[in-house]
Amino acid sequence: AGVPKSERTTVHKNLTFSLACAEGFLMTSEWAKANEVACVAVTVAMHFLFLAAFSWMLVEGLLLWRKVVAVSMHPGPG
């Protein structure tokens, strides 16, 4: 709706999407136990999505580091 477009909101949207998809696959994992191919497919998808979520967390940490620490490393005028 009225969400401002910034790097931070983009990271949060992608992080939320990857976590929601991974949790969806986690809920279907009980069903996939019956079929070996489905079990492997759900496991691969979950690993990929949780890896994506951790990667987005890393991106968020680097973004916060750049906004907080990197700014204070440059001396101001005078």
N, C-alpha and C. Protein backbone atom coordinates (compact mmCIF):
# COMPACT_ATOMS: atom_id res chain seq x y z
N ALA A 1 0.85 -1.18 0.00
CA ALA A 1 0.00 0.00 0.00
C ALA A 1 0.89 1.24 0.00
N GLY A 2 1.23 1.74 1.18
CA GLY A 2 2.02 2.94 1.27
C GLY A 2 3.42 2.67 1.79
N VAL A 3 3.99 1.53 1.43
CA VAL A 3 5.31 1.16 1.93
C VAL A 3 6.38 1.91 1.12
N PRO A 4 7.25 2.66 1.79
CA PRO A 4 8.29 3.37 1.05
C PRO A 4 9.31 2.39 0.47
N LYS A 5 9.83 2.73 -0.70
CA LYS A 5 10.81 1.85 -1.33
C LYS A 5 12.21 2.25 -0.87
N SER A 6 12.85 1.34 -0.17
CA SER A 6 14.22 1.55 0.27
C SER A 6 14.92 0.19 0.27
N GLU A 7 16.23 0.24 0.46
CA GLU A 7 16.99 -1.01 0.50
C GLU A 7 16.52 -1.88 1.65
N ARG A 8 16.25 -1.27 2.77
CA ARG A 8 15.87 -2.01 3.97
C ARG A 8 14.53 -2.73 3.80
N THR A 9 13.54 -2.05 3.21
CA THR A 9 12.25 -2.71 3.02
C THR A 9 12.35 -3.81 1.97
N THR A 10 13.19 -3.64 0.97
CA THR A 10 13.39 -4.69 -0.03
C THR A 10 14.00 -5.93 0.60
N VAL A 11 15.01 -5.73 1.46
CA VAL A 11 15.63 -6.85 2.15
C VAL A 11 14.62 -7.55 3.04
N HIS A 12 13.82 -6.79 3.77
CA HIS A 12 12.83 -7.39 4.66
C HIS A 12 11.75 -8.15 3.89
N LYS A 13 11.31 -7.61 2.74
CA LYS A 13 10.31 -8.31 1.94
C LYS A 13 10.86 -9.63 1.43
N ASN A 14 12.09 -9.64 0.92
CA ASN A 14 12.69 -10.87 0.42
C ASN A 14 12.94 -11.87 1.54
N LEU A 15 13.38 -11.39 2.68
CA LEU A 15 13.60 -12.27 3.83
C LEU A 15 12.28 -12.90 4.29
N THR A 16 11.24 -12.10 4.37
CA THR A 16 9.93 -12.61 4.78
C THR A 16 9.41 -13.64 3.78
N PHE A 17 9.58 -13.36 2.49
CA PHE A 17 9.11 -14.27 1.45
C PHE A 17 9.85 -15.62 1.53
N SER A 18 11.17 -15.58 1.69
CA SER A 18 11.92 -16.83 1.73
C SER A 18 11.59 -17.63 3.00
N LEU A 19 11.41 -16.96 4.13
CA LEU A 19 11.04 -17.67 5.36
C LEU A 19 9.63 -18.24 5.27
N ALA A 20 8.70 -17.49 4.68
CA ALA A 20 7.34 -17.99 4.55
C ALA A 20 7.28 -19.21 3.63
N CYS A 21 8.01 -19.17 2.53
CA CYS A 21 8.04 -20.32 1.62
C CYS A 21 8.68 -21.53 2.29
N ALA A 22 9.77 -21.31 3.02
CA ALA A 22 10.43 -22.42 3.70
C ALA A 22 9.52 -23.04 4.75
N GLU A 23 8.80 -22.22 5.47
CA GLU A 23 7.86 -22.75 6.46
C GLU A 23 6.72 -23.50 5.79
N GLY A 24 6.30 -23.04 4.62
CA GLY A 24 5.28 -23.77 3.86
C GLY A 24 5.76 -25.16 3.47
N PHE A 25 7.01 -25.25 3.02
CA PHE A 25 7.57 -26.56 2.70
C PHE A 25 7.74 -27.41 3.95
N LEU A 26 8.06 -26.76 5.06
CA LEU A 26 8.19 -27.50 6.32
C LEU A 26 6.86 -28.14 6.71
N MET A 27 5.77 -27.44 6.46
CA MET A 27 4.46 -27.99 6.78
C MET A 27 4.10 -29.17 5.87
N THR A 28 4.62 -29.18 4.65
CA THR A 28 4.32 -30.29 3.73
C THR A 28 5.31 -31.44 3.88
N SER A 29 6.32 -31.27 4.72
CA SER A 29 7.34 -32.31 4.84
C SER A 29 6.79 -33.62 5.42
N GLU A 30 5.78 -33.52 6.27
CA GLU A 30 5.17 -34.74 6.83
C GLU A 30 4.48 -35.54 5.73
N TRP A 31 3.82 -34.85 4.82
CA TRP A 31 3.17 -35.51 3.70
C TRP A 31 4.19 -36.15 2.76
N ALA A 32 5.35 -35.51 2.60
CA ALA A 32 6.35 -35.98 1.64
C ALA A 32 7.11 -37.21 2.13
N LYS A 33 6.94 -37.59 3.39
CA LYS A 33 7.64 -38.77 3.91
C LYS A 33 7.26 -40.05 3.16
N ALA A 34 6.05 -40.10 2.65
CA ALA A 34 5.56 -41.32 2.01
C ALA A 34 6.24 -41.58 0.66
N ASN A 35 6.69 -40.55 -0.01
CA ASN A 35 7.28 -40.68 -1.33
C ASN A 35 8.74 -40.19 -1.28
N GLU A 36 9.67 -41.02 -1.70
CA GLU A 36 11.09 -40.66 -1.60
C GLU A 36 11.44 -39.47 -2.48
N VAL A 37 10.89 -39.42 -3.69
CA VAL A 37 11.19 -38.30 -4.59
C VAL A 37 10.64 -36.99 -4.03
N ALA A 38 9.42 -37.03 -3.50
CA ALA A 38 8.83 -35.84 -2.90
C ALA A 38 9.62 -35.41 -1.67
N CYS A 39 10.10 -36.37 -0.91
CA CYS A 39 10.88 -36.07 0.29
C CYS A 39 12.17 -35.35 -0.08
N VAL A 40 12.85 -35.86 -1.10
CA VAL A 40 14.09 -35.22 -1.54
C VAL A 40 13.81 -33.83 -2.09
N ALA A 41 12.74 -33.69 -2.87
CA ALA A 41 12.40 -32.39 -3.45
C ALA A 41 12.07 -31.36 -2.36
N VAL A 42 11.30 -31.76 -1.37
CA VAL A 42 10.94 -30.85 -0.28
C VAL A 42 12.18 -30.49 0.54
N THR A 43 13.06 -31.47 0.77
CA THR A 43 14.28 -31.21 1.53
C THR A 43 15.19 -30.24 0.79
N VAL A 44 15.35 -30.42 -0.50
CA VAL A 44 16.18 -29.52 -1.30
C VAL A 44 15.60 -28.11 -1.30
N ALA A 45 14.29 -28.02 -1.48
CA ALA A 45 13.64 -26.71 -1.48
C ALA A 45 13.79 -26.01 -0.13
N MET A 46 13.61 -26.77 0.96
CA MET A 46 13.76 -26.17 2.28
C MET A 46 15.19 -25.69 2.53
N HIS A 47 16.17 -26.50 2.15
CA HIS A 47 17.56 -26.09 2.34
C HIS A 47 17.86 -24.83 1.53
N PHE A 48 17.40 -24.79 0.29
CA PHE A 48 17.64 -23.62 -0.55
C PHE A 48 16.99 -22.37 0.05
N LEU A 49 15.74 -22.49 0.49
CA LEU A 49 15.03 -21.33 1.01
C LEU A 49 15.60 -20.85 2.34
N PHE A 50 16.00 -21.78 3.21
CA PHE A 50 16.64 -21.34 4.46
C PHE A 50 18.01 -20.73 4.20
N LEU A 51 18.74 -21.24 3.21
CA LEU A 51 20.00 -20.63 2.81
C LEU A 51 19.77 -19.22 2.28
N ALA A 52 18.71 -19.06 1.49
CA ALA A 52 18.37 -17.73 0.99
C ALA A 52 18.01 -16.80 2.15
N ALA A 53 17.28 -17.30 3.14
CA ALA A 53 16.91 -16.47 4.29
C ALA A 53 18.16 -16.04 5.06
N PHE A 54 19.08 -16.97 5.29
CA PHE A 54 20.31 -16.60 6.00
C PHE A 54 21.14 -15.61 5.18
N SER A 55 21.12 -15.75 3.87
CA SER A 55 21.84 -14.81 3.02
C SER A 55 21.21 -13.42 3.11
N TRP A 56 19.88 -13.35 3.13
CA TRP A 56 19.23 -12.05 3.29
C TRP A 56 19.53 -11.45 4.66
N MET A 57 19.66 -12.30 5.68
CA MET A 57 20.05 -11.79 6.99
C MET A 57 21.46 -11.20 6.95
N LEU A 58 22.35 -11.84 6.21
CA LEU A 58 23.71 -11.31 6.04
C LEU A 58 23.66 -9.97 5.32
N VAL A 59 22.86 -9.89 4.27
CA VAL A 59 22.72 -8.63 3.53
C VAL A 59 22.19 -7.53 4.45
N GLU A 60 21.22 -7.88 5.29
CA GLU A 60 20.67 -6.89 6.21
C GLU A 60 21.73 -6.43 7.22
N GLY A 61 22.53 -7.37 7.71
CA GLY A 61 23.60 -7.00 8.63
C GLY A 61 24.63 -6.09 7.98
N LEU A 62 25.00 -6.39 6.74
CA LEU A 62 25.95 -5.53 6.03
C LEU A 62 25.36 -4.15 5.76
N LEU A 63 24.08 -4.11 5.44
CA LEU A 63 23.41 -2.83 5.21
C LEU A 63 23.40 -2.00 6.48
N LEU A 64 23.08 -2.63 7.61
CA LEU A 64 23.11 -1.90 8.88
C LEU A 64 24.52 -1.46 9.24
N TRP A 65 25.50 -2.31 8.97
CA TRP A 65 26.88 -1.94 9.25
C TRP A 65 27.29 -0.71 8.44
N ARG A 66 26.89 -0.72 7.17
CA ARG A 66 27.24 0.40 6.30
C ARG A 66 26.59 1.69 6.78
N LYS A 67 25.35 1.61 7.27
CA LYS A 67 24.65 2.81 7.70
C LYS A 67 25.14 3.33 9.05
N VAL A 68 25.63 2.43 9.92
CA VAL A 68 26.00 2.86 11.26
C VAL A 68 27.51 3.03 11.41
N VAL A 69 28.26 1.98 11.11
CA VAL A 69 29.69 2.00 11.38
C VAL A 69 30.47 2.71 10.29
N ALA A 70 30.18 2.43 9.06
CA ALA A 70 30.95 3.01 7.96
C ALA A 70 30.80 4.52 7.92
N VAL A 71 29.67 5.05 8.35
CA VAL A 71 29.47 6.50 8.37
C VAL A 71 30.38 7.14 9.41
N SER A 72 30.51 6.51 10.57
CA SER A 72 31.33 7.09 11.62
C SER A 72 32.82 6.92 11.37
N MET A 73 33.22 6.08 10.40
CA MET A 73 34.63 5.90 10.11
C MET A 73 35.20 7.05 9.30
N HIS A 74 34.36 7.76 8.58
CA HIS A 74 34.82 8.90 7.79
C HIS A 74 34.74 10.17 8.64
N PRO A 75 35.88 10.84 8.82
CA PRO A 75 35.83 12.07 9.62
C PRO A 75 35.07 13.17 8.88
N GLY A 76 34.38 13.95 9.66
CA GLY A 76 33.61 15.05 9.10
C GLY A 76 34.50 16.23 8.77
N PRO A 77 33.91 17.27 8.26
CA PRO A 77 34.69 18.48 7.92
C PRO A 77 35.26 19.14 9.17
N GLY A 78 36.47 19.61 9.00
CA GLY A 78 37.11 20.43 10.00
C GLY A 78 37.59 19.81 11.19
